[in-house]
Each structure stands twice: as C-alpha cells, then as structure tokens.
Amino acid sequence: METSEAIRRGAVRAEDLAEVVALPGPFVSLYLNTESRIQNAAQRAEVGWKSARRTLHDAGAPAAALEAIDPWVAEGHLHGNTLAAFATGDGVAHVEHGPEPLPLDVAGWAPLPSLARVLAWRQAAPPYVTVLADRRGADITAVRREGPPIVLETEGEDYPLRKVQAGGWSHRRYQQRAENTWEHNARNVATEVTRLVERVDARIVIAAGDVRALELLRQDLPKEAAAKLHDVPGGRSEDGSTDAFDEAVAEAVAAMARRDKEALLDAFEGELGQQDRAVQGAARTLGALSRSQVEVLLVREELEPERTAWFGPDAGQVAPDRATLQQLGVEAPTEAALVDVAITAALGTGASVLVLPADEGPDEGIGALLRWGAQA
C-alpha cells in the first residue's frame, strides 16, 4: 500500500516525540490543569502540582525530574488549559500545552512516557491559514503547533476601488480600471496565501470578506491551495465580528479533523476487509510493529491500564509477553502499559499514530495500517 493522502492527513507523525521516546527512562508523565479562565489560575495550578509532585515522589520519581518541571507550572496558564510535561532523571524531555482543561490531573512515573493525549491534541488541531479579504488586500494568519501564528497584511492599489455609476464615454474605462485594481490586489493576496500554505503545510484555508475579493482569490490560487479554501461569514472591517469569525474558524478546523479521521478509519476498514494491509488486536499489531511494518498505528487513548506489553532497548523490540522478547535475544525486557509500548514503537519506527476514543476503532482497541501486506 502506498501512503495515501487520507492516511497522511488523518494521523500524526511526530519526529520530536520520537526523540523523546528514544531517551532512557523511566519517565515522569504529567497532565496538569492550568485553566486560565478561573481566578487565581497560577495558584491553583501550583496546588495541583504540589499534590501531583507528592504522588510522583512516593512512586519513586527522582527529585531532579520533579525540580525540572517546577518552573513550567507557574506560567502554564498563560499558554494553555493543560500542561503536559515529561521528564527523566536528566531533566525535562518535552513540554506541551493543551487546549482544554482536564477533569483530573494525571501524574505517573513509568518506564515509558504517556503520550497518547498529546498526540490526540495534535490530531485535533491540524495547521491552517485564515484570510480576511477585501478589495484592497487581506489580513492573513497561519497557525501551526510548532510556533506562534504567522501574521501578514497585504495592501495593494487603492485607486480606483469602486466602479463608478456615471454614464458617458468614460464609464466603461473606469469600470475596467476598478476591476483591474481588484484583480491585481487579489493576485498579491493569493501569492501570500500560497506561500503560507506551503510553509506550514496547511490542511485548510478559511476565508471571509468581500464576495468579489474571495472569488478572485479562488481563481488565483494554485489548484491544490484552492481545493483547501473554505468560505465562512465575516469581514475585514472592525465591526465587532471577530468572535464570530474565530468561532467559525474553530468549527471548520474541527470538522476537517473529523473528516480526516473518518477517511483514515474507512481506509483501515477497507484493508481489513480484504485481509491485506491492516491488522487488529494487540498480538498482531505488536508483531507488525516489531517488523517496522506499521504505516499508521490506530489506538484508543483510554486502553485499560492493566493491559500491558513488553519492550526492549530498541524501538522495534516489542511483544505481548516477556518470553517472546527473550527468545529474540532481549536479555531483560521491561513491562509497561500496552498503549505506551505501542505508541513508543510506532514513533521509534517512523509510523504515524491515530488516537481514538473508547467507542471507535479496531478490536481490542489497537490495530494498524501496514506498509506492506499482512501476508507478505
């Protein structure tokens, strides 16, 4: 199976997290509520961290790992509603901020980091570009996880911007000059939008504004970028419509993420039905991961914590039981939560990951789309 566009879009490939799982453990995995909309957010986060810190200390986490996380807690509420931090005895390995507060803080000291929720955040927030356009230019913003938003403003020619209503011999000439101005400005906007789409690998372009300006923008965009264009209500003028536009953007991005996930699940079901390039269940999926055969791992975030698997020092050394790894020459296999073993192996072997809710996906909550046939 060649990697389809649906698969590339729907799952998350995280090279930075692959570097995290390559570190020697054990790991502190912390998900701390840092909700910014409440009073005394920083103090409440500190209280939550104090409790989590005590739990981690009692579980055996070294002081160096806990102290490395301390500075991240005080300002966590400034960057998101949940702080995710992962650390070893050598210091912090990764920090990320989530969009929504969690019902409960989660803190663990385990052989592997618990990255499922971080991957789910990324899966739900693909990179995108927004455009607020009028006949003069546009306000353009590119949003991606790797850094702050990229904001551009384009301003083109401003004369003439309106078609005159007067008659006479000059009427048609003024009409055409206005149309030429709009077209020139739209080409400038299209150039900048195309550049940002390519720069952040935007999954969707959400645009609002003057109807004619948007028509011209669609005409001037390259075919691939134009296919990503999604119009929503709104305008460039400062008329108090910012909140409505932001809400429309959030809805459009979420809908795109859902469609991508559904397309990937359809691909999985199709391959599974042909008994070809898909497997499901813990044993078969771990077997495929051990052969670096997995293109996309599909796994439920909330697999039962008592479901475990075994792993060795190399990324592909995974199995459902200790004896299998020992037979393969791993002298001292380590046991960890199945979901963490599977995600670690997927990241370490260059696979993408699709995180699913409890009521979706393959049997036993784990499966995979494969790089080559299951029977090959």
Protein backbone atom coordinates (compact mmCIF):
# COMPACT_ATOMS: atom_id res chain seq x y z
CA MET A 1 0.00 0.00 0.00
CA GLU A 2 1.35 3.37 -0.93
CA THR A 3 0.84 6.01 1.71
CA SER A 4 -2.46 7.62 0.77
CA GLU A 5 -3.25 11.29 1.22
CA ALA A 6 -6.04 10.30 3.60
CA ILE A 7 -3.57 8.49 5.84
CA ARG A 8 -1.07 11.34 5.79
CA ARG A 9 -3.76 13.81 6.77
CA GLY A 10 -5.58 11.82 9.40
CA ALA A 11 -2.72 10.62 11.59
CA VAL A 12 0.12 12.36 13.41
CA ARG A 13 3.77 11.80 12.64
CA ALA A 14 5.84 13.34 15.41
CA GLU A 15 9.59 13.38 14.92
CA ASP A 16 10.09 15.47 18.06
CA LEU A 17 8.27 12.88 20.17
CA ALA A 18 10.34 10.14 18.53
CA GLU A 19 13.35 11.84 20.09
CA VAL A 20 11.62 11.74 23.48
CA VAL A 21 10.87 8.02 23.40
CA ALA A 22 14.46 7.33 22.35
CA LEU A 23 15.68 8.63 25.72
CA PRO A 24 16.41 6.16 28.52
CA GLY A 25 13.59 6.07 31.08
CA PRO A 26 11.80 5.88 33.37
CA PHE A 27 9.69 8.99 32.76
CA VAL A 28 7.52 11.38 34.68
CA SER A 29 4.34 11.99 32.69
CA LEU A 30 2.30 14.93 33.96
CA TYR A 31 -1.01 16.33 32.72
CA LEU A 32 -1.83 19.30 34.97
CA ASN A 33 -4.91 21.51 34.82
CA THR A 34 -3.80 25.09 34.12
CA GLU A 35 -7.19 26.57 33.20
CA SER A 36 -6.72 30.27 32.55
CA ARG A 37 -10.37 31.36 32.78
CA ILE A 38 -10.59 30.87 36.53
CA GLN A 39 -9.45 33.23 39.26
CA ASN A 40 -6.01 32.66 40.76
CA ALA A 41 -5.13 30.28 37.93
CA ALA A 42 -1.42 30.20 38.75
CA GLN A 43 -2.03 29.48 42.43
CA ARG A 44 -4.49 26.69 41.63
CA ALA A 45 -2.01 25.10 39.25
CA GLU A 46 0.63 25.24 41.98
CA VAL A 47 -1.73 23.49 44.39
CA GLY A 48 -2.44 20.80 41.82
CA TRP A 49 1.27 20.37 41.12
CA LYS A 50 2.02 20.09 44.85
CA SER A 51 -0.35 17.13 45.11
CA ALA A 52 0.93 15.53 41.89
CA ARG A 53 4.52 16.09 42.97
CA ARG A 54 3.89 14.23 46.21
CA THR A 55 2.31 11.34 44.31
CA LEU A 56 5.26 11.15 41.93
CA HIS A 57 7.78 11.30 44.78
CA ASP A 58 6.03 8.44 46.55
CA ALA A 59 6.09 6.46 43.29
CA GLY A 60 9.88 6.79 43.11
CA ALA A 61 10.38 9.72 40.74
CA PRO A 62 13.79 11.34 41.40
CA ALA A 63 14.00 14.85 42.77
CA ALA A 64 15.88 16.02 39.66
CA ALA A 65 12.93 15.14 37.40
CA LEU A 66 10.44 16.93 39.65
CA GLU A 67 12.59 20.00 40.08
CA ALA A 68 12.98 20.26 36.31
CA ILE A 69 9.20 20.57 35.95
CA ASP A 70 8.78 23.18 38.73
CA PRO A 71 9.46 26.27 36.55
CA TRP A 72 6.91 25.23 33.94
CA VAL A 73 3.96 25.20 36.33
CA ALA A 74 3.79 28.87 37.33
CA GLU A 75 3.25 30.15 33.77
CA GLY A 76 1.38 27.18 32.36
CA HIS A 77 -1.97 29.02 32.42
CA LEU A 78 -0.54 31.63 30.04
CA HIS A 79 -0.06 29.07 27.28
CA GLY A 80 -2.98 26.65 27.51
CA ASN A 81 -5.52 24.97 29.76
CA THR A 82 -3.48 21.82 30.39
CA LEU A 83 0.26 21.48 30.93
CA ALA A 84 1.82 18.26 29.65
CA ALA A 85 5.36 17.71 30.88
CA PHE A 86 7.64 14.69 30.53
CA ALA A 87 10.90 14.34 32.40
CA THR A 88 13.60 11.85 33.31
CA GLY A 89 16.28 12.00 35.94
CA ASP A 90 18.29 14.04 33.43
CA GLY A 91 15.69 16.80 33.15
CA VAL A 92 12.65 17.81 31.11
CA ALA A 93 12.27 15.85 27.88
CA HIS A 94 9.21 17.62 26.44
CA VAL A 95 6.59 20.23 27.36
CA GLU A 96 3.34 20.93 25.53
CA HIS A 97 0.17 22.85 26.31
CA GLY A 98 -3.33 21.54 25.65
CA PRO A 99 -6.44 23.45 24.59
CA GLU A 100 -8.94 22.19 27.18
CA PRO A 101 -8.76 21.60 30.94
CA LEU A 102 -8.91 18.00 32.15
CA PRO A 103 -11.39 16.69 34.72
CA LEU A 104 -8.49 15.35 36.81
CA ASP A 105 -4.74 15.85 36.88
CA VAL A 106 -2.73 12.82 35.79
CA ALA A 107 0.75 12.07 37.09
CA GLY A 108 2.77 8.91 36.60
CA TRP A 109 6.28 7.50 36.96
CA ALA A 110 6.66 4.67 34.49
CA PRO A 111 9.14 3.03 32.11
CA LEU A 112 7.69 4.91 29.11
CA PRO A 113 6.10 8.36 28.64
CA SER A 114 2.32 8.54 28.26
CA LEU A 115 1.99 10.49 25.01
CA ALA A 116 -1.48 9.48 23.78
CA ARG A 117 -3.19 12.66 24.91
CA VAL A 118 -0.53 14.90 23.36
CA LEU A 119 -0.97 13.09 20.05
CA ALA A 120 -4.75 13.49 20.32
CA TRP A 121 -4.30 17.25 20.79
CA ARG A 122 -2.19 17.48 17.66
CA GLN A 123 -4.57 15.29 15.69
CA ALA A 124 -7.46 17.63 16.52
CA ALA A 125 -5.52 20.77 15.54
CA PRO A 126 -4.09 20.50 12.03
CA PRO A 127 -2.24 23.55 10.68
CA TYR A 128 -4.42 26.10 8.89
CA VAL A 129 -4.48 29.55 7.29
CA THR A 130 -7.12 32.24 7.71
CA VAL A 131 -7.85 35.08 5.29
CA LEU A 132 -9.94 38.20 5.87
CA ALA A 133 -10.10 39.84 2.45
CA ASP A 134 -11.45 42.99 0.87
CA ARG A 135 -10.73 44.56 -2.50
CA ARG A 136 -7.69 46.37 -1.15
CA GLY A 137 -5.91 43.34 0.34
CA ALA A 138 -6.18 40.90 3.21
CA ASP A 139 -5.21 40.01 6.76
CA ILE A 140 -3.64 36.54 6.61
CA THR A 141 -2.72 34.29 9.53
CA ALA A 142 -1.06 30.88 9.52
CA VAL A 143 -1.45 28.72 12.64
CA ARG A 144 0.69 25.70 13.43
CA ARG A 145 1.74 23.85 16.55
CA GLU A 146 5.47 24.39 16.10
CA GLY A 147 5.45 28.10 16.81
CA PRO A 148 3.44 31.31 17.20
CA PRO A 149 0.98 32.36 14.49
CA ILE A 150 2.44 33.97 11.38
CA VAL A 151 0.53 37.19 10.67
CA LEU A 152 0.68 39.10 7.39
CA GLU A 153 -1.18 42.08 6.00
CA THR A 154 -1.29 42.80 2.30
CA GLU A 155 -2.29 46.19 0.93
CA GLY A 156 -2.49 46.68 -2.82
CA GLU A 157 -3.58 49.53 -5.05
CA ASP A 158 -6.42 51.65 -3.74
CA TYR A 159 -7.47 53.58 -6.85
CA PRO A 160 -9.94 53.05 -8.20
CA LEU A 161 -11.61 50.56 -5.84
CA ARG A 162 -15.21 51.34 -6.78
CA LYS A 163 -16.94 51.12 -10.11
CA VAL A 164 -18.48 54.47 -10.95
CA GLN A 165 -22.17 54.73 -11.77
CA ALA A 166 -21.88 57.74 -14.10
CA GLY A 167 -22.61 57.33 -17.80
CA GLY A 168 -20.77 58.72 -20.77
CA TRP A 169 -17.80 57.66 -22.80
CA SER A 170 -15.53 57.13 -19.75
CA HIS A 171 -17.93 54.83 -17.88
CA ARG A 172 -16.59 51.55 -19.27
CA ARG A 173 -12.98 52.64 -18.85
CA TYR A 174 -13.47 53.40 -15.14
CA GLN A 175 -15.34 50.14 -14.65
CA GLN A 176 -12.47 48.19 -16.18
CA ARG A 177 -9.84 50.09 -14.19
CA ALA A 178 -11.63 49.20 -10.95
CA GLU A 179 -11.79 45.54 -11.97
CA ASN A 180 -8.08 45.59 -12.83
CA THR A 181 -7.28 47.01 -9.39
CA TRP A 182 -9.26 44.26 -7.66
CA GLU A 183 -7.56 41.59 -9.74
CA HIS A 184 -4.09 43.00 -9.04
CA ASN A 185 -4.75 43.08 -5.30
CA ALA A 186 -6.23 39.57 -5.33
CA ARG A 187 -3.10 38.21 -7.03
CA ASN A 188 -0.98 39.69 -4.26
CA VAL A 189 -3.19 38.04 -1.65
CA ALA A 190 -3.09 34.71 -3.47
CA THR A 191 0.71 34.81 -3.60
CA GLU A 192 1.00 35.31 0.16
CA VAL A 193 -1.67 32.73 0.97
CA THR A 194 0.06 30.15 -1.22
CA ARG A 195 3.37 30.85 0.46
CA LEU A 196 1.95 30.38 3.94
CA VAL A 197 0.00 27.25 2.99
CA GLU A 198 3.23 25.68 1.81
CA ARG A 199 5.24 26.95 4.77
CA VAL A 200 3.00 25.40 7.46
CA ASP A 201 1.58 22.57 5.30
CA ALA A 202 -1.90 23.94 5.97
CA ARG A 203 -4.73 21.44 5.88
CA ILE A 204 -7.43 24.09 5.31
CA VAL A 205 -7.67 27.76 4.30
CA ILE A 206 -10.59 29.56 5.97
CA ALA A 207 -11.58 32.80 4.27
CA ALA A 208 -14.13 35.55 4.83
CA GLY A 209 -14.74 39.01 3.44
CA ASP A 210 -15.81 40.75 0.27
CA VAL A 211 -17.55 38.35 -2.11
CA ARG A 212 -15.76 39.57 -5.24
CA ALA A 213 -12.38 39.57 -3.50
CA LEU A 214 -12.92 35.94 -2.46
CA GLU A 215 -13.98 34.97 -5.99
CA LEU A 216 -10.78 36.46 -7.40
CA LEU A 217 -8.70 34.82 -4.67
CA ARG A 218 -10.11 31.41 -5.53
CA GLN A 219 -9.30 31.97 -9.20
CA ASP A 220 -5.70 33.00 -8.48
CA LEU A 221 -4.77 30.28 -6.01
CA PRO A 222 -3.00 27.19 -7.35
CA LYS A 223 -5.31 24.21 -7.72
CA GLU A 224 -4.09 22.43 -4.60
CA ALA A 225 -4.47 25.51 -2.39
CA ALA A 226 -7.83 26.44 -3.92
CA ALA A 227 -9.15 22.97 -3.03
CA LYS A 228 -8.43 23.77 0.63
CA LEU A 229 -10.37 27.06 0.58
CA HIS A 230 -13.42 27.18 2.85
CA ASP A 231 -15.58 30.32 2.97
CA VAL A 232 -17.22 31.45 6.21
CA PRO A 233 -19.19 34.59 7.13
CA GLY A 234 -17.22 37.63 8.26
CA GLY A 235 -15.35 40.65 7.05
CA ARG A 236 -12.15 42.61 7.33
CA SER A 237 -13.70 45.72 8.84
CA GLU A 238 -13.51 46.33 12.59
CA ASP A 239 -17.21 45.82 13.24
CA GLY A 240 -17.13 43.50 16.22
CA SER A 241 -17.40 40.30 14.18
CA THR A 242 -14.03 38.90 15.29
CA ASP A 243 -15.55 36.47 17.80
CA ALA A 244 -17.95 35.07 15.22
CA PHE A 245 -15.12 34.58 12.73
CA ASP A 246 -12.94 32.89 15.35
CA GLU A 247 -15.80 30.54 16.19
CA ALA A 248 -16.34 29.73 12.52
CA VAL A 249 -12.62 29.02 12.13
CA ALA A 250 -12.62 26.66 15.13
CA GLU A 251 -15.65 24.81 13.77
CA ALA A 252 -14.13 24.47 10.29
CA VAL A 253 -10.82 23.14 11.65
CA ALA A 254 -12.58 20.66 13.93
CA ALA A 255 -14.78 19.46 11.07
CA MET A 256 -11.72 18.95 8.87
CA ALA A 257 -10.00 16.93 11.59
CA ARG A 258 -13.11 14.73 11.93
CA ARG A 259 -13.28 14.12 8.18
CA ASP A 260 -9.61 13.21 8.08
CA LYS A 261 -10.07 10.73 10.93
CA GLU A 262 -13.11 9.18 9.27
CA ALA A 263 -11.27 8.83 5.97
CA LEU A 264 -8.43 7.03 7.69
CA LEU A 265 -10.83 4.70 9.53
CA ASP A 266 -12.54 3.93 6.21
CA ALA A 267 -9.14 3.07 4.71
CA PHE A 268 -8.42 0.81 7.68
CA GLU A 269 -11.75 -0.99 7.40
CA GLY A 270 -11.26 -1.44 3.66
CA GLU A 271 -7.83 -3.01 4.04
CA LEU A 272 -9.01 -5.13 6.94
CA GLY A 273 -11.94 -6.40 4.89
CA GLN A 274 -9.53 -7.52 2.18
CA GLN A 275 -7.35 -9.18 4.83
CA ASP A 276 -4.41 -7.44 3.27
CA ARG A 277 -2.66 -4.36 4.62
CA ALA A 278 -4.24 -3.98 8.04
CA VAL A 279 -4.23 -5.90 11.31
CA GLN A 280 -6.07 -5.54 14.60
CA GLY A 281 -5.63 -6.84 18.11
CA ALA A 282 -2.65 -6.49 20.42
CA ALA A 283 -0.65 -9.54 19.36
CA ARG A 284 -0.83 -8.93 15.60
CA THR A 285 -0.28 -5.18 15.92
CA LEU A 286 2.76 -5.60 18.17
CA GLY A 287 4.08 -8.19 15.72
CA ALA A 288 3.77 -5.71 12.86
CA LEU A 289 5.46 -3.01 14.95
CA SER A 290 8.35 -5.37 15.69
CA ARG A 291 8.90 -5.75 11.93
CA SER A 292 8.70 -1.96 11.31
CA GLN A 293 5.73 -2.84 9.10
CA VAL A 294 3.28 -0.27 10.51
CA GLU A 295 2.40 2.80 8.47
CA VAL A 296 -0.28 4.06 10.89
CA LEU A 297 -0.95 2.82 14.41
CA LEU A 298 -4.59 3.09 15.49
CA VAL A 299 -5.00 3.01 19.25
CA ARG A 300 -7.56 4.03 21.84
CA GLU A 301 -6.30 6.60 24.30
CA GLU A 302 -8.11 5.02 27.25
CA LEU A 303 -6.95 1.40 26.99
CA GLU A 304 -7.31 -0.37 30.32
CA PRO A 305 -4.20 0.38 32.42
CA GLU A 306 -3.85 -3.26 33.40
CA ARG A 307 -3.28 -4.21 29.75
CA THR A 308 0.47 -4.34 29.37
CA ALA A 309 3.12 -5.37 26.86
CA TRP A 310 6.90 -5.82 26.89
CA PHE A 311 9.68 -3.90 25.20
CA GLY A 312 13.43 -3.90 24.79
CA PRO A 313 16.05 -1.20 24.28
CA ASP A 314 15.47 -0.87 20.51
CA ALA A 315 12.34 0.70 19.00
CA GLY A 316 11.09 -2.46 17.29
CA GLN A 317 11.61 -4.78 20.24
CA VAL A 318 8.01 -5.20 21.41
CA ALA A 319 5.85 -8.21 22.17
CA PRO A 320 2.74 -9.13 24.17
CA ASP A 321 4.79 -11.28 26.56
CA ARG A 322 8.24 -11.41 28.12
CA ALA A 323 9.19 -14.84 26.73
CA THR A 324 8.85 -13.75 23.10
CA LEU A 325 11.38 -10.95 23.52
CA GLN A 326 13.77 -13.19 25.42
CA GLN A 327 13.65 -15.66 22.54
CA LEU A 328 14.64 -12.78 20.25
CA GLY A 329 17.70 -12.07 22.36
CA VAL A 330 16.45 -9.29 24.64
CA GLU A 331 18.01 -10.20 27.97
CA ALA A 332 15.94 -8.00 30.26
CA PRO A 333 12.57 -6.98 28.75
CA THR A 334 10.55 -4.30 30.54
CA GLU A 335 6.80 -4.28 31.10
CA ALA A 336 4.70 -1.16 30.54
CA ALA A 337 1.17 -0.10 29.60
CA LEU A 338 0.15 -1.51 26.20
CA VAL A 339 -0.83 1.90 24.80
CA ASP A 340 2.56 3.38 25.75
CA VAL A 341 4.52 0.42 24.36
CA ALA A 342 2.65 0.59 21.05
CA ILE A 343 2.98 4.38 20.66
CA THR A 344 6.67 4.29 21.57
CA ALA A 345 7.34 1.58 18.98
CA ALA A 346 5.32 3.46 16.33
CA LEU A 347 7.17 6.72 16.89
CA GLY A 348 10.50 4.95 17.01
CA THR A 349 9.95 3.17 13.70
CA GLY A 350 8.70 6.23 11.80
CA ALA A 351 5.00 5.35 11.85
CA SER A 352 2.13 7.80 12.26
CA VAL A 353 -0.42 7.49 15.06
CA LEU A 354 -4.20 7.92 15.15
CA VAL A 355 -5.61 8.20 18.68
CA LEU A 356 -9.24 7.14 19.03
CA PRO A 357 -11.99 7.47 21.65
CA ALA A 358 -13.23 4.45 23.57
CA ASP A 359 -16.09 3.59 21.20
CA GLU A 360 -14.18 3.67 17.90
CA GLY A 361 -11.56 1.71 16.07
CA PRO A 362 -10.24 -1.83 15.87
CA ASP A 363 -10.86 -4.88 18.04
CA GLU A 364 -9.09 -4.75 21.40
CA GLY A 365 -8.64 -1.01 20.85
CA ILE A 366 -5.49 -1.38 18.79
CA GLY A 367 -4.68 -2.02 15.13
CA ALA A 368 -2.56 -0.80 12.25
CA LEU A 369 -2.45 0.06 8.59
CA LEU A 370 0.63 -1.58 7.14
CA ARG A 371 3.37 -0.59 4.75
CA TRP A 372 3.13 -3.94 3.01
CA GLY A 373 0.69 -6.85 3.02
CA ALA A 374 -0.07 -8.72 6.20
CA GLN A 375 0.75 -11.99 4.46
CA ALA A 376 3.90 -10.74 2.71
